[in-house]
PDB file of N, CA and C in Angstrom:
ATOM      1  N   MET A   1     149.600  71.661  27.434  1.00  0.00           N
ATOM      2  CA  MET A   1     150.302  71.666  26.163  1.00  0.00           C
ATOM      3  C   MET A   1     151.697  72.257  26.380  1.00  0.00           C
ATOM      4  N   SER A   2     152.720  71.466  26.131  1.00  0.00           N
ATOM      5  CA  SER A   2     154.087  71.921  26.366  1.00  0.00           C
ATOM      6  C   SER A   2     154.713  72.452  25.074  1.00  0.00           C
ATOM      7  N   ILE A   3     155.845  73.104  25.242  1.00  0.00           N
ATOM      8  CA  ILE A   3     156.563  73.663  24.095  1.00  0.00           C
ATOM      9  C   ILE A   3     157.407  72.556  23.477  1.00  0.00           C
ATOM     10  N   CYS A   4     157.163  72.221  22.222  1.00  0.00           N
ATOM     11  CA  CYS A   4     157.906  71.191  21.511  1.00  0.00           C
ATOM     12  C   CYS A   4     158.317  71.722  20.141  1.00  0.00           C
ATOM     13  N   PRO A   5     159.519  71.378  19.691  1.00  0.00           N
ATOM     14  CA  PRO A   5     159.897  71.782  18.348  1.00  0.00           C
ATOM     15  C   PRO A   5     159.065  71.036  17.301  1.00  0.00           C
ATOM     16  N   LYS A   6     158.747  71.727  16.206  1.00  0.00           N
ATOM     17  CA  LYS A   6     157.938  71.112  15.158  1.00  0.00           C
ATOM     18  C   LYS A   6     158.702  69.986  14.462  1.00  0.00           C
ATOM     19  N   ASN A   7     160.001  70.249  14.162  1.00  0.00           N
ATOM     20  CA  ASN A   7     160.843  69.250  13.502  1.00  0.00           C
ATOM     21  C   ASN A   7     162.130  69.077  14.297  1.00  0.00           C
ATOM     22  N   LYS A   8     162.777  67.935  14.124  1.00  0.00           N
ATOM     23  CA  LYS A   8     164.027  67.671  14.814  1.00  0.00           C
ATOM     24  C   LYS A   8     165.151  68.496  14.201  1.00  0.00           C
ATOM     25  N   SER A   9     165.990  69.093  15.057  1.00  0.00           N
ATOM     26  CA  SER A   9     167.176  69.800  14.590  1.00  0.00           C
ATOM     27  C   SER A   9     168.329  68.817  14.515  1.00  0.00           C
ATOM     28  N   SER A  10     169.063  68.842  13.419  1.00  0.00           N
ATOM     29  CA  SER A  10     170.194  67.929  13.273  1.00  0.00           C
ATOM     30  C   SER A  10     171.332  68.356  14.197  1.00  0.00           C
ATOM     31  N   ARG A  11     172.270  67.442  14.415  1.00  0.00           N
ATOM     32  CA  ARG A  11     173.398  67.757  15.289  1.00  0.00           C
ATOM     33  C   ARG A  11     174.239  68.894  14.723  1.00  0.00           C
ATOM     34  N   GLY A  12     174.395  68.926  13.407  1.00  0.00           N
ATOM     35  CA  GLY A  12     175.178  69.987  12.785  1.00  0.00           C
ATOM     36  C   GLY A  12     174.544  71.355  12.959  1.00  0.00           C
ATOM     37  N   ARG A  13     173.253  71.442  12.764  1.00  0.00           N
ATOM     38  CA  ARG A  13     172.540  72.714  12.914  1.00  0.00           C
ATOM     39  C   ARG A  13     172.562  73.168  14.377  1.00  0.00           C
ATOM     40  N   ARG A  14     172.374  72.216  15.289  1.00  0.00           N
ATOM     41  CA  ARG A  14     172.400  72.520  16.720  1.00  0.00           C
ATOM     42  C   ARG A  14     173.777  73.028  17.140  1.00  0.00           C
ATOM     43  N   ASP A  15     174.835  72.349  16.683  1.00  0.00           N
ATOM     44  CA  ASP A  15     176.176  72.715  17.095  1.00  0.00           C
ATOM     45  C   ASP A  15     176.651  74.007  16.453  1.00  0.00           C
ATOM     46  N   LYS A  16     176.162  74.341  15.252  1.00  0.00           N
ATOM     47  CA  LYS A  16     176.485  75.630  14.646  1.00  0.00           C
ATOM     48  C   LYS A  16     175.935  76.772  15.480  1.00  0.00           C
ATOM     49  N   ARG A  17     174.767  76.578  16.015  1.00  0.00           N
ATOM     50  CA  ARG A  17     174.148  77.605  16.857  1.00  0.00           C
ATOM     51  C   ARG A  17     174.914  77.759  18.169  1.00  0.00           C
ATOM     52  N   ARG A  18     175.379  76.654  18.715  1.00  0.00           N
ATOM     53  CA  ARG A  18     176.109  76.695  19.980  1.00  0.00           C
ATOM     54  C   ARG A  18     177.554  77.170  19.824  1.00  0.00           C
ATOM     55  N   ALA A  19     178.061  77.219  18.612  1.00  0.00           N
ATOM     56  CA  ALA A  19     179.461  77.594  18.382  1.00  0.00           C
ATOM     57  C   ALA A  19     179.706  79.077  18.610  1.00  0.00           C
ATOM     58  N   ASN A  20     178.657  79.890  18.690  1.00  0.00           N
ATOM     59  CA  ASN A  20     178.828  81.334  18.849  1.00  0.00           C
ATOM     60  C   ASN A  20     178.925  81.755  20.303  1.00  0.00           C
ATOM     61  N   TRP A  21     179.072  80.817  21.239  1.00  0.00           N
ATOM     62  CA  TRP A  21     179.180  81.149  22.656  1.00  0.00           C
ATOM     63  C   TRP A  21     180.627  81.314  23.086  1.00  0.00           C
ATOM     64  N   LYS A  22     181.537  81.511  22.140  1.00  0.00           N
ATOM     65  CA  LYS A  22     182.944  81.625  22.494  1.00  0.00           C
ATOM     66  C   LYS A  22     183.215  82.940  23.229  1.00  0.00           C
ATOM     67  N   MET A  23     184.275  82.949  23.986  1.00  0.00           N
ATOM     68  CA  MET A  23     184.635  84.131  24.762  1.00  0.00           C
ATOM     69  C   MET A  23     185.362  85.124  23.861  1.00  0.00           C
ATOM     70  N   GLY A  24     185.028  86.386  23.989  1.00  0.00           N
ATOM     71  CA  GLY A  24     185.694  87.429  23.211  1.00  0.00           C
ATOM     72  C   GLY A  24     186.894  87.994  23.957  1.00  0.00           C
ATOM     73  N   ALA A  25     187.686  88.763  23.267  1.00  0.00           N
ATOM     74  CA  ALA A  25     188.852  89.384  23.885  1.00  0.00           C
ATOM     75  C   ALA A  25     188.407  90.500  24.828  1.00  0.00           C
ATOM     76  N   MET A  26     189.179  90.701  25.895  1.00  0.00           N
ATOM     77  CA  MET A  26     188.840  91.742  26.856  1.00  0.00           C
ATOM     78  C   MET A  26     189.015  93.115  26.222  1.00  0.00           C
ATOM     79  N   ASN A  27     188.150  94.037  26.612  1.00  0.00           N
ATOM     80  CA  ASN A  27     188.247  95.412  26.150  1.00  0.00           C
ATOM     81  C   ASN A  27     189.132  96.175  27.126  1.00  0.00           C
ATOM     82  N   LEU A  28     190.238  96.722  26.656  1.00  0.00           N
ATOM     83  CA  LEU A  28     191.161  97.448  27.515  1.00  0.00           C
ATOM     84  C   LEU A  28     191.225  98.908  27.088  1.00  0.00           C
ATOM     85  N   VAL A  29     191.330  99.805  28.070  1.00  0.00           N
ATOM     86  CA  VAL A  29     191.464 101.233  27.820  1.00  0.00           C
ATOM     87  C   VAL A  29     192.688 101.740  28.576  1.00  0.00           C
ATOM     88  N   LYS A  30     193.176 102.910  28.189  1.00  0.00           N
ATOM     89  CA  LYS A  30     194.312 103.510  28.882  1.00  0.00           C
ATOM     90  C   LYS A  30     193.833 104.237  30.128  1.00  0.00           C
ATOM     91  N   CYS A  31     194.596 104.123  31.188  1.00  0.00           N
ATOM     92  CA  CYS A  31     194.300 104.849  32.427  1.00  0.00           C
ATOM     93  C   CYS A  31     194.514 106.335  32.172  1.00  0.00           C
ATOM     94  N   SER A  32     193.580 107.161  32.654  1.00  0.00           N
ATOM     95  CA  SER A  32     193.686 108.597  32.399  1.00  0.00           C
ATOM     96  C   SER A  32     194.792 109.247  33.227  1.00  0.00           C
ATOM     97  N   LYS A  33     195.256 108.575  34.283  1.00  0.00           N
ATOM     98  CA  LYS A  33     196.280 109.160  35.140  1.00  0.00           C
ATOM     99  C   LYS A  33     197.686 108.690  34.773  1.00  0.00           C
ATOM    100  N   CYS A  34     197.867 107.349  34.626  1.00  0.00           N
ATOM    101  CA  CYS A  34     199.217 106.836  34.384  1.00  0.00           C
ATOM    102  C   CYS A  34     199.414 106.276  32.973  1.00  0.00           C
ATOM    103  N   GLY A  35     198.328 106.020  32.238  1.00  0.00           N
ATOM    104  CA  GLY A  35     198.443 105.535  30.873  1.00  0.00           C
ATOM    105  C   GLY A  35     198.559 104.030  30.733  1.00  0.00           C
ATOM    106  N   ALA A  36     198.480 103.298  31.840  1.00  0.00           N
ATOM    107  CA  ALA A  36     198.559 101.836  31.770  1.00  0.00           C
ATOM    108  C   ALA A  36     197.245 101.274  31.237  1.00  0.00           C
ATOM    109  N   LEU A  37     197.310 100.088  30.616  1.00  0.00           N
ATOM    110  CA  LEU A  37     196.099  99.447  30.122  1.00  0.00           C
ATOM    111  C   LEU A  37     195.321  98.847  31.279  1.00  0.00           C
ATOM    112  N   MET A  38     194.002  99.059  31.275  1.00  0.00           N
ATOM    113  CA  MET A  38     193.149  98.549  32.347  1.00  0.00           C
ATOM    114  C   MET A  38     191.769  98.266  31.797  1.00  0.00           C
ATOM    115  N   MET A  39     190.975  97.513  32.534  1.00  0.00           N
ATOM    116  CA  MET A  39     189.595  97.265  32.137  1.00  0.00           C
ATOM    117  C   MET A  39     188.769  98.511  32.450  1.00  0.00           C
ATOM    118  N   PRO A  40     187.801  98.866  31.588  1.00  0.00           N
ATOM    119  CA  PRO A  40     187.024 100.078  31.829  1.00  0.00           C
ATOM    120  C   PRO A  40     186.145  99.964  33.069  1.00  0.00           C
ATOM    121  N   HIS A  41     185.907 101.088  33.727  1.00  0.00           N
ATOM    122  CA  HIS A  41     185.047 101.210  34.919  1.00  0.00           C
ATOM    123  C   HIS A  41     185.575 100.411  36.093  1.00  0.00           C
ATOM    124  N   ARG A  42     186.905 100.318  36.204  1.00  0.00           N
ATOM    125  CA  ARG A  42     187.520  99.630  37.328  1.00  0.00           C
ATOM    126  C   ARG A  42     188.729 100.431  37.799  1.00  0.00           C
ATOM    127  N   VAL A  43     189.155 100.187  39.021  1.00  0.00           N
ATOM    128  CA  VAL A  43     190.320 100.863  39.568  1.00  0.00           C
ATOM    129  C   VAL A  43     191.569 100.361  38.850  1.00  0.00           C
ATOM    130  N   CYS A  44     192.449 101.276  38.498  1.00  0.00           N
ATOM    131  CA  CYS A  44     193.703 100.924  37.815  1.00  0.00           C
ATOM    132  C   CYS A  44     194.601 100.158  38.782  1.00  0.00           C
ATOM    133  N   LYS A  45     195.133  99.013  38.328  1.00  0.00           N
ATOM    134  CA  LYS A  45     196.008  98.216  39.189  1.00  0.00           C
ATOM    135  C   LYS A  45     197.399  98.826  39.301  1.00  0.00           C
ATOM    136  N   ALA A  46     197.792  99.645  38.331  1.00  0.00           N
ATOM    137  CA  ALA A  46     199.133 100.218  38.341  1.00  0.00           C
ATOM    138  C   ALA A  46     199.248 101.392  39.311  1.00  0.00           C
ATOM    139  N   CYS A  47     198.258 102.303  39.284  1.00  0.00           N
ATOM    140  CA  CYS A  47     198.360 103.498  40.136  1.00  0.00           C
ATOM    141  C   CYS A  47     197.255 103.598  41.179  1.00  0.00           C
ATOM    142  N   GLY A  48     196.238 102.751  41.123  1.00  0.00           N
ATOM    143  CA  GLY A  48     195.187 102.755  42.140  1.00  0.00           C
ATOM    144  C   GLY A  48     194.197 103.890  41.999  1.00  0.00           C
ATOM    145  N   SER A  49     194.073 104.465  40.807  1.00  0.00           N
ATOM    146  CA  SER A  49     193.158 105.593  40.631  1.00  0.00           C
ATOM    147  C   SER A  49     191.943 105.187  39.822  1.00  0.00           C
ATOM    148  N   TYR A  50     190.864 105.930  40.018  1.00  0.00           N
ATOM    149  CA  TYR A  50     189.633 105.757  39.239  1.00  0.00           C
ATOM    150  C   TYR A  50     189.056 107.136  39.023  1.00  0.00           C
ATOM    151  N   ASN A  51     188.773 107.482  37.772  1.00  0.00           N
ATOM    152  CA  ASN A  51     188.212 108.787  37.418  1.00  0.00           C
ATOM    153  C   ASN A  51     189.119 109.927  37.881  1.00  0.00           C
ATOM    154  N   LYS A  52     190.425 109.744  37.668  1.00  0.00           N
ATOM    155  CA  LYS A  52     191.479 110.715  38.013  1.00  0.00           C
ATOM    156  C   LYS A  52     191.582 111.000  39.507  1.00  0.00           C
ATOM    157  N   LYS A  53     191.034 110.133  40.352  1.00  0.00           N
ATOM    158  CA  LYS A  53     191.151 110.277  41.805  1.00  0.00           C
ATOM    159  C   LYS A  53     191.792 109.013  42.351  1.00  0.00           C
ATOM    160  N   GLU A  54     192.704 109.179  43.327  1.00  0.00           N
ATOM    161  CA  GLU A  54     193.361 108.026  43.925  1.00  0.00           C
ATOM    162  C   GLU A  54     192.395 107.341  44.889  1.00  0.00           C
ATOM    163  N   ILE A  55     192.096 106.109  44.626  1.00  0.00           N
ATOM    164  CA  ILE A  55     191.157 105.330  45.446  1.00  0.00           C
ATOM    165  C   ILE A  55     191.920 104.402  46.378  1.00  0.00           C
ATOM    166  N   VAL A  56     192.923 103.718  45.826  1.00  0.00           N
ATOM    167  CA  VAL A  56     193.703 102.742  46.583  1.00  0.00           C
ATOM    168  C   VAL A  56     195.156 103.163  46.514  1.00  0.00           C
ATOM    169  N   SER A  57     195.835 103.130  47.663  1.00  0.00           N
ATOM    170  CA  SER A  57     197.261 103.474  47.642  1.00  0.00           C
ATOM    171  C   SER A  57     198.055 102.249  47.205  1.00  0.00           C
ATOM    172  N   VAL A  58     198.875 102.417  46.187  1.00  0.00           N
ATOM    173  CA  VAL A  58     199.696 101.335  45.641  1.00  0.00           C
ATOM    174  C   VAL A  58     201.142 101.627  45.976  1.00  0.00           C
ATOM    175  N   ASP A  59     201.789 100.667  46.631  1.00  0.00           N
ATOM    176  CA  ASP A  59     203.203 100.873  47.030  1.00  0.00           C
ATOM    177  C   ASP A  59     204.132 100.138  46.113  1.00  0.00           C
TER     178      ASP A  59
END
């Protein structure tokens, strides 16, 4: 016995459900060392620091 829908879903109902898969805006936070905007939990591209420690040297 397989899984089957009881009634057919119309194209409009199906597409309304699929319309919520859009991409959201990125969440940006300020770097604690230099103040530049960066993605959270990642090394800052401007100064190369993470958690107030220099991880990568940026020239």
